[in-house]
Amino acid sequence: MTMDYIFDVAHLSVERLLENWRWLCPEPFVLLARNVFGNLFLQKESGPVFKLDVSVGQLAGSQA
Protein backbone atom coordinates (compact mmCIF):
# COMPACT_ATOMS: atom_id res chain seq x y z
CA MET A 1 0.00 0.00 0.00
CA THR A 2 1.35 3.42 -0.93
CA MET A 3 0.48 6.63 0.83
CA ASP A 4 -0.43 9.64 -1.24
CA TYR A 5 0.75 12.90 0.33
CA ILE A 6 -0.34 15.14 -2.54
CA PHE A 7 -3.91 16.39 -2.55
CA ASP A 8 -6.25 17.49 -5.34
CA VAL A 9 -6.10 21.27 -5.80
CA ALA A 10 -8.56 21.84 -8.63
CA HIS A 11 -11.17 23.25 -6.24
CA LEU A 12 -8.76 25.59 -4.41
CA SER A 13 -8.28 29.28 -5.12
CA VAL A 14 -4.60 30.16 -5.47
CA GLU A 15 -5.47 33.80 -4.82
CA ARG A 16 -7.10 32.95 -1.51
CA LEU A 17 -4.26 30.64 -0.46
CA LEU A 18 -1.63 33.28 -1.26
CA GLU A 19 -3.57 36.15 0.30
CA ASN A 20 -1.24 36.33 3.32
CA TRP A 21 1.85 35.36 1.31
CA ARG A 22 1.79 38.07 -1.37
CA TRP A 23 4.78 39.78 0.26
CA LEU A 24 6.74 36.65 -0.63
CA CYS A 25 4.90 35.69 -3.84
CA PRO A 26 4.01 38.96 -5.60
CA GLU A 27 3.85 37.52 -9.13
CA PRO A 28 0.98 35.49 -10.61
CA PHE A 29 1.25 31.77 -9.87
CA VAL A 30 -0.68 28.64 -10.78
CA LEU A 31 -1.27 26.14 -7.98
CA LEU A 32 0.10 22.73 -8.96
CA ALA A 33 -0.14 20.80 -5.68
CA ARG A 34 -0.17 20.96 -1.90
CA ASN A 35 1.07 18.48 0.65
CA VAL A 36 0.00 17.26 4.07
CA PHE A 37 2.08 19.99 5.74
CA GLY A 38 0.24 22.78 3.91
CA ASN A 39 3.16 23.60 1.62
CA LEU A 40 2.19 24.80 -1.84
CA PHE A 41 3.80 23.94 -5.14
CA LEU A 42 3.41 26.87 -7.50
CA GLN A 43 4.31 27.59 -11.10
CA LYS A 44 5.00 30.96 -12.69
CA GLU A 45 3.54 31.68 -16.10
CA SER A 46 7.08 31.60 -17.49
CA GLY A 47 7.50 27.99 -16.35
CA PRO A 48 9.62 27.74 -13.16
CA VAL A 49 8.14 25.73 -10.29
CA PHE A 50 8.45 26.85 -6.66
CA LYS A 51 7.68 25.41 -3.24
CA LEU A 52 6.17 27.70 -0.65
CA ASP A 53 7.22 26.25 2.69
CA VAL A 54 4.66 27.71 5.06
CA SER A 55 6.41 26.45 8.21
CA VAL A 56 9.45 28.68 7.63
CA GLY A 57 8.01 31.28 5.26
CA GLN A 58 10.33 30.48 2.36
CA LEU A 59 9.77 30.35 -1.37
CA ALA A 60 12.31 28.05 -3.02
CA GLY A 61 12.71 26.65 -6.49
CA SER A 62 13.90 27.16 -10.00
CA GLN A 63 15.06 30.68 -10.78
CA ALA A 64 15.29 30.10 -14.54
PDB file of N, CA and C in Angstrom:
ATOM      1  N   MET A   1       0.848  -1.191   0.000  1.00  0.00           N
ATOM      2  CA  MET A   1       0.000   0.000   0.000  1.00  0.00           C
ATOM      3  C   MET A   1       0.888   1.246   0.000  1.00  0.00           C
ATOM      4  N   THR A   2       0.605   2.160  -0.890  1.00  0.00           N
ATOM      5  CA  THR A   2       1.354   3.420  -0.934  1.00  0.00           C
ATOM      6  C   THR A   2       0.510   4.529  -0.334  1.00  0.00           C
ATOM      7  N   MET A   3       1.186   5.498   0.249  1.00  0.00           N
ATOM      8  CA  MET A   3       0.477   6.629   0.831  1.00  0.00           C
ATOM      9  C   MET A   3       0.630   7.826  -0.095  1.00  0.00           C
ATOM     10  N   ASP A   4      -0.447   8.485  -0.354  1.00  0.00           N
ATOM     11  CA  ASP A   4      -0.433   9.639  -1.242  1.00  0.00           C
ATOM     12  C   ASP A   4      -0.455  10.911  -0.404  1.00  0.00           C
ATOM     13  N   TYR A   5       0.639  11.686  -0.463  1.00  0.00           N
ATOM     14  CA  TYR A   5       0.747  12.903   0.334  1.00  0.00           C
ATOM     15  C   TYR A   5       0.466  14.166  -0.476  1.00  0.00           C
ATOM     16  N   ILE A   6       0.031  13.998  -1.700  1.00  0.00           N
ATOM     17  CA  ILE A   6      -0.339  15.138  -2.539  1.00  0.00           C
ATOM     18  C   ILE A   6      -1.853  15.134  -2.678  1.00  0.00           C
ATOM     19  N   PHE A   7      -2.463  16.291  -2.537  1.00  0.00           N
ATOM     20  CA  PHE A   7      -3.909  16.391  -2.554  1.00  0.00           C
ATOM     21  C   PHE A   7      -4.399  17.134  -3.797  1.00  0.00           C
ATOM     22  N   ASP A   8      -5.619  16.822  -4.207  1.00  0.00           N
ATOM     23  CA  ASP A   8      -6.246  17.493  -5.344  1.00  0.00           C
ATOM     24  C   ASP A   8      -6.396  18.980  -5.034  1.00  0.00           C
ATOM     25  N   VAL A   9      -6.040  19.823  -6.016  1.00  0.00           N
ATOM     26  CA  VAL A   9      -6.096  21.267  -5.796  1.00  0.00           C
ATOM     27  C   VAL A   9      -7.027  21.985  -6.772  1.00  0.00           C
ATOM     28  N   ALA A  10      -7.711  21.227  -7.605  1.00  0.00           N
ATOM     29  CA  ALA A  10      -8.560  21.838  -8.634  1.00  0.00           C
ATOM     30  C   ALA A  10      -9.624  22.762  -8.040  1.00  0.00           C
ATOM     31  N   HIS A  11     -10.102  22.467  -6.865  1.00  0.00           N
ATOM     32  CA  HIS A  11     -11.174  23.251  -6.245  1.00  0.00           C
ATOM     33  C   HIS A  11     -10.660  24.418  -5.397  1.00  0.00           C
ATOM     34  N   LEU A  12      -9.346  24.547  -5.260  1.00  0.00           N
ATOM     35  CA  LEU A  12      -8.764  25.591  -4.410  1.00  0.00           C
ATOM     36  C   LEU A  12      -8.449  26.867  -5.184  1.00  0.00           C
ATOM     37  N   SER A  13      -8.595  27.979  -4.526  1.00  0.00           N
ATOM     38  CA  SER A  13      -8.276  29.281  -5.116  1.00  0.00           C
ATOM     39  C   SER A  13      -6.848  29.675  -4.736  1.00  0.00           C
ATOM     40  N   VAL A  14      -5.978  29.772  -5.732  1.00  0.00           N
ATOM     41  CA  VAL A  14      -4.598  30.164  -5.466  1.00  0.00           C
ATOM     42  C   VAL A  14      -4.546  31.579  -4.897  1.00  0.00           C
ATOM     43  N   GLU A  15      -5.438  32.431  -5.333  1.00  0.00           N
ATOM     44  CA  GLU A  15      -5.473  33.805  -4.816  1.00  0.00           C
ATOM     45  C   GLU A  15      -5.805  33.819  -3.326  1.00  0.00           C
ATOM     46  N   ARG A  16      -6.734  33.008  -2.930  1.00  0.00           N
ATOM     47  CA  ARG A  16      -7.105  32.953  -1.511  1.00  0.00           C
ATOM     48  C   ARG A  16      -5.975  32.342  -0.685  1.00  0.00           C
ATOM     49  N   LEU A  17      -5.353  31.284  -1.200  1.00  0.00           N
ATOM     50  CA  LEU A  17      -4.260  30.637  -0.460  1.00  0.00           C
ATOM     51  C   LEU A  17      -3.046  31.544  -0.302  1.00  0.00           C
ATOM     52  N   LEU A  18      -2.800  32.394  -1.295  1.00  0.00           N
ATOM     53  CA  LEU A  18      -1.630  33.279  -1.256  1.00  0.00           C
ATOM     54  C   LEU A  18      -1.926  34.653  -0.659  1.00  0.00           C
ATOM     55  N   GLU A  19      -3.146  34.855  -0.229  1.00  0.00           N
ATOM     56  CA  GLU A  19      -3.572  36.154   0.299  1.00  0.00           C
ATOM     57  C   GLU A  19      -2.595  36.701   1.337  1.00  0.00           C
ATOM     58  N   ASN A  20      -2.162  35.881   2.270  1.00  0.00           N
ATOM     59  CA  ASN A  20      -1.236  36.326   3.317  1.00  0.00           C
ATOM     60  C   ASN A  20       0.227  36.129   2.947  1.00  0.00           C
ATOM     61  N   TRP A  21       0.480  35.618   1.756  1.00  0.00           N
ATOM     62  CA  TRP A  21       1.853  35.358   1.312  1.00  0.00           C
ATOM     63  C   TRP A  21       2.262  36.242   0.145  1.00  0.00           C
ATOM     64  N   ARG A  22       1.468  37.228  -0.220  1.00  0.00           N
ATOM     65  CA  ARG A  22       1.788  38.074  -1.375  1.00  0.00           C
ATOM     66  C   ARG A  22       3.091  38.846  -1.194  1.00  0.00           C
ATOM     67  N   TRP A  23       3.497  39.111   0.020  1.00  0.00           N
ATOM     68  CA  TRP A  23       4.779  39.783   0.262  1.00  0.00           C
ATOM     69  C   TRP A  23       5.932  38.904  -0.215  1.00  0.00           C
ATOM     70  N   LEU A  24       5.711  37.593  -0.212  1.00  0.00           N
ATOM     71  CA  LEU A  24       6.740  36.648  -0.627  1.00  0.00           C
ATOM     72  C   LEU A  24       6.521  36.161  -2.063  1.00  0.00           C
ATOM     73  N   CYS A  25       5.282  36.189  -2.509  1.00  0.00           N
ATOM     74  CA  CYS A  25       4.901  35.692  -3.842  1.00  0.00           C
ATOM     75  C   CYS A  25       4.116  36.764  -4.589  1.00  0.00           C
ATOM     76  N   PRO A  26       4.753  37.856  -4.993  1.00  0.00           N
ATOM     77  CA  PRO A  26       4.007  38.959  -5.600  1.00  0.00           C
ATOM     78  C   PRO A  26       3.548  38.699  -7.042  1.00  0.00           C
ATOM     79  N   GLU A  27       4.195  37.788  -7.731  1.00  0.00           N
ATOM     80  CA  GLU A  27       3.854  37.518  -9.127  1.00  0.00           C
ATOM     81  C   GLU A  27       2.690  36.536  -9.232  1.00  0.00           C
ATOM     82  N   PRO A  28       2.049  36.473 -10.408  1.00  0.00           N
ATOM     83  CA  PRO A  28       0.975  35.491 -10.606  1.00  0.00           C
ATOM     84  C   PRO A  28       1.540  34.063 -10.621  1.00  0.00           C
ATOM     85  N   PHE A  29       0.866  33.169  -9.930  1.00  0.00           N
ATOM     86  CA  PHE A  29       1.250  31.770  -9.874  1.00  0.00           C
ATOM     87  C   PHE A  29       0.044  30.892 -10.161  1.00  0.00           C
ATOM     88  N   VAL A  30       0.324  29.680 -10.629  1.00  0.00           N
ATOM     89  CA  VAL A  30      -0.683  28.639 -10.777  1.00  0.00           C
ATOM     90  C   VAL A  30      -0.395  27.607  -9.689  1.00  0.00           C
ATOM     91  N   LEU A  31      -1.428  27.156  -9.018  1.00  0.00           N
ATOM     92  CA  LEU A  31      -1.265  26.144  -7.977  1.00  0.00           C
ATOM     93  C   LEU A  31      -1.191  24.767  -8.618  1.00  0.00           C
ATOM     94  N   LEU A  32      -0.085  24.066  -8.399  1.00  0.00           N
ATOM     95  CA  LEU A  32       0.099  22.727  -8.958  1.00  0.00           C
ATOM     96  C   LEU A  32      -0.290  21.643  -7.962  1.00  0.00           C
ATOM     97  N   ALA A  33       0.107  21.824  -6.694  1.00  0.00           N
ATOM     98  CA  ALA A  33      -0.137  20.803  -5.678  1.00  0.00           C
ATOM     99  C   ALA A  33       0.034  21.397  -4.291  1.00  0.00           C
ATOM    100  N   ARG A  34      -0.416  20.638  -3.312  1.00  0.00           N
ATOM    101  CA  ARG A  34      -0.166  20.956  -1.905  1.00  0.00           C
ATOM    102  C   ARG A  34       0.119  19.642  -1.203  1.00  0.00           C
ATOM    103  N   ASN A  35       0.801  19.719  -0.075  1.00  0.00           N
ATOM    104  CA  ASN A  35       1.074  18.485   0.646  1.00  0.00           C
ATOM    105  C   ASN A  35       0.429  18.499   2.024  1.00  0.00           C
ATOM    106  N   VAL A  36       0.610  17.434   2.758  1.00  0.00           N
ATOM    107  CA  VAL A  36      -0.005  17.260   4.065  1.00  0.00           C
ATOM    108  C   VAL A  36       0.428  18.330   5.062  1.00  0.00           C
ATOM    109  N   PHE A  37       1.572  18.962   4.849  1.00  0.00           N
ATOM    110  CA  PHE A  37       2.080  19.994   5.739  1.00  0.00           C
ATOM    111  C   PHE A  37       1.540  21.385   5.398  1.00  0.00           C
ATOM    112  N   GLY A  38       0.784  21.501   4.318  1.00  0.00           N
ATOM    113  CA  GLY A  38       0.239  22.784   3.907  1.00  0.00           C
ATOM    114  C   GLY A  38       1.132  23.537   2.946  1.00  0.00           C
ATOM    115  N   ASN A  39       2.268  22.961   2.581  1.00  0.00           N
ATOM    116  CA  ASN A  39       3.160  23.603   1.619  1.00  0.00           C
ATOM    117  C   ASN A  39       2.502  23.603   0.244  1.00  0.00           C
ATOM    118  N   LEU A  40       2.777  24.651  -0.507  1.00  0.00           N
ATOM    119  CA  LEU A  40       2.186  24.798  -1.837  1.00  0.00           C
ATOM    120  C   LEU A  40       3.260  24.687  -2.900  1.00  0.00           C
ATOM    121  N   PHE A  41       2.921  24.044  -3.990  1.00  0.00           N
ATOM    122  CA  PHE A  41       3.804  23.936  -5.137  1.00  0.00           C
ATOM    123  C   PHE A  41       3.190  24.788  -6.237  1.00  0.00           C
ATOM    124  N   LEU A  42       3.915  25.818  -6.624  1.00  0.00           N
ATOM    125  CA  LEU A  42       3.406  26.871  -7.497  1.00  0.00           C
ATOM    126  C   LEU A  42       4.239  26.969  -8.757  1.00  0.00           C
ATOM    127  N   GLN A  43       3.598  27.401  -9.840  1.00  0.00           N
ATOM    128  CA  GLN A  43       4.315  27.590 -11.096  1.00  0.00           C
ATOM    129  C   GLN A  43       4.043  28.984 -11.629  1.00  0.00           C
ATOM    130  N   LYS A  44       5.129  29.656 -12.033  1.00  0.00           N
ATOM    131  CA  LYS A  44       5.001  30.959 -12.690  1.00  0.00           C
ATOM    132  C   LYS A  44       4.534  30.742 -14.120  1.00  0.00           C
ATOM    133  N   GLU A  45       3.969  31.765 -14.701  1.00  0.00           N
ATOM    134  CA  GLU A  45       3.538  31.685 -16.096  1.00  0.00           C
ATOM    135  C   GLU A  45       4.707  31.374 -17.026  1.00  0.00           C
ATOM    136  N   SER A  46       5.905  31.829 -16.656  1.00  0.00           N
ATOM    137  CA  SER A  46       7.082  31.601 -17.493  1.00  0.00           C
ATOM    138  C   SER A  46       7.629  30.183 -17.365  1.00  0.00           C
ATOM    139  N   GLY A  47       7.112  29.381 -16.432  1.00  0.00           N
ATOM    140  CA  GLY A  47       7.495  27.991 -16.348  1.00  0.00           C
ATOM    141  C   GLY A  47       8.134  27.481 -15.077  1.00  0.00           C
ATOM    142  N   PRO A  48       8.960  28.266 -14.360  1.00  0.00           N
ATOM    143  CA  PRO A  48       9.621  27.739 -13.164  1.00  0.00           C
ATOM    144  C   PRO A  48       8.616  27.311 -12.087  1.00  0.00           C
ATOM    145  N   VAL A  49       8.973  26.260 -11.364  1.00  0.00           N
ATOM    146  CA  VAL A  49       8.143  25.735 -10.288  1.00  0.00           C
ATOM    147  C   VAL A  49       8.800  26.067  -8.952  1.00  0.00           C
ATOM    148  N   PHE A  50       7.980  26.440  -7.976  1.00  0.00           N
ATOM    149  CA  PHE A  50       8.454  26.848  -6.659  1.00  0.00           C
ATOM    150  C   PHE A  50       7.688  26.098  -5.574  1.00  0.00           C
ATOM    151  N   LYS A  51       8.336  25.974  -4.425  1.00  0.00           N
ATOM    152  CA  LYS A  51       7.684  25.409  -3.245  1.00  0.00           C
ATOM    153  C   LYS A  51       7.587  26.514  -2.204  1.00  0.00           C
ATOM    154  N   LEU A  52       6.381  26.773  -1.753  1.00  0.00           N
ATOM    155  CA  LEU A  52       6.168  27.704  -0.653  1.00  0.00           C
ATOM    156  C   LEU A  52       6.097  26.883   0.620  1.00  0.00           C
ATOM    157  N   ASP A  53       7.143  26.961   1.418  1.00  0.00           N
ATOM    158  CA  ASP A  53       7.216  26.245   2.690  1.00  0.00           C
ATOM    159  C   ASP A  53       6.601  27.149   3.741  1.00  0.00           C
ATOM    160  N   VAL A  54       5.392  26.831   4.149  1.00  0.00           N
ATOM    161  CA  VAL A  54       4.664  27.707   5.065  1.00  0.00           C
ATOM    162  C   VAL A  54       5.165  27.620   6.502  1.00  0.00           C
ATOM    163  N   SER A  55       5.909  26.570   6.830  1.00  0.00           N
ATOM    164  CA  SER A  55       6.411  26.454   8.205  1.00  0.00           C
ATOM    165  C   SER A  55       7.566  27.410   8.488  1.00  0.00           C
ATOM    166  N   VAL A  56       8.333  27.764   7.446  1.00  0.00           N
ATOM    167  CA  VAL A  56       9.454  28.680   7.634  1.00  0.00           C
ATOM    168  C   VAL A  56       9.297  29.978   6.832  1.00  0.00           C
ATOM    169  N   GLY A  57       8.227  30.085   6.042  1.00  0.00           N
ATOM    170  CA  GLY A  57       8.007  31.281   5.256  1.00  0.00           C
ATOM    171  C   GLY A  57       9.053  31.474   4.173  1.00  0.00           C
ATOM    172  N   GLN A  58       9.287  30.426   3.396  1.00  0.00           N
ATOM    173  CA  GLN A  58      10.327  30.478   2.362  1.00  0.00           C
ATOM    174  C   GLN A  58       9.770  29.989   1.031  1.00  0.00           C
ATOM    175  N   LEU A  59      10.109  30.732  -0.018  1.00  0.00           N
ATOM    176  CA  LEU A  59       9.766  30.346  -1.375  1.00  0.00           C
ATOM    177  C   LEU A  59      11.055  29.873  -2.047  1.00  0.00           C
ATOM    178  N   ALA A  60      11.099  28.618  -2.432  1.00  0.00           N
ATOM    179  CA  ALA A  60      12.307  28.049  -3.017  1.00  0.00           C
ATOM    180  C   ALA A  60      11.966  27.348  -4.316  1.00  0.00           C
ATOM    181  N   GLY A  61      12.917  27.374  -5.235  1.00  0.00           N
ATOM    182  CA  GLY A  61      12.709  26.653  -6.487  1.00  0.00           C
ATOM    183  C   GLY A  61      13.566  27.164  -7.592  1.00  0.00           C
ATOM    184  N   SER A  62      13.167  26.816  -8.787  1.00  0.00           N
ATOM    185  CA  SER A  62      13.896  27.163 -10.004  1.00  0.00           C
ATOM    186  C   SER A  62      13.852  28.674 -10.213  1.00  0.00           C
ATOM    187  N   GLN A  63      14.985  29.254 -10.500  1.00  0.00           N
ATOM    188  CA  GLN A  63      15.055  30.685 -10.780  1.00  0.00           C
ATOM    189  C   GLN A  63      15.231  30.973 -12.258  1.00  0.00           C
ATOM    190  N   ALA A  64      15.089  29.947 -13.090  1.00  0.00           N
ATOM    191  CA  ALA A  64      15.291  30.098 -14.540  1.00  0.00           C
ATOM    192  C   ALA A  64      14.191  30.899 -15.171  1.00  0.00           C
TER     193      ALA A  64
END
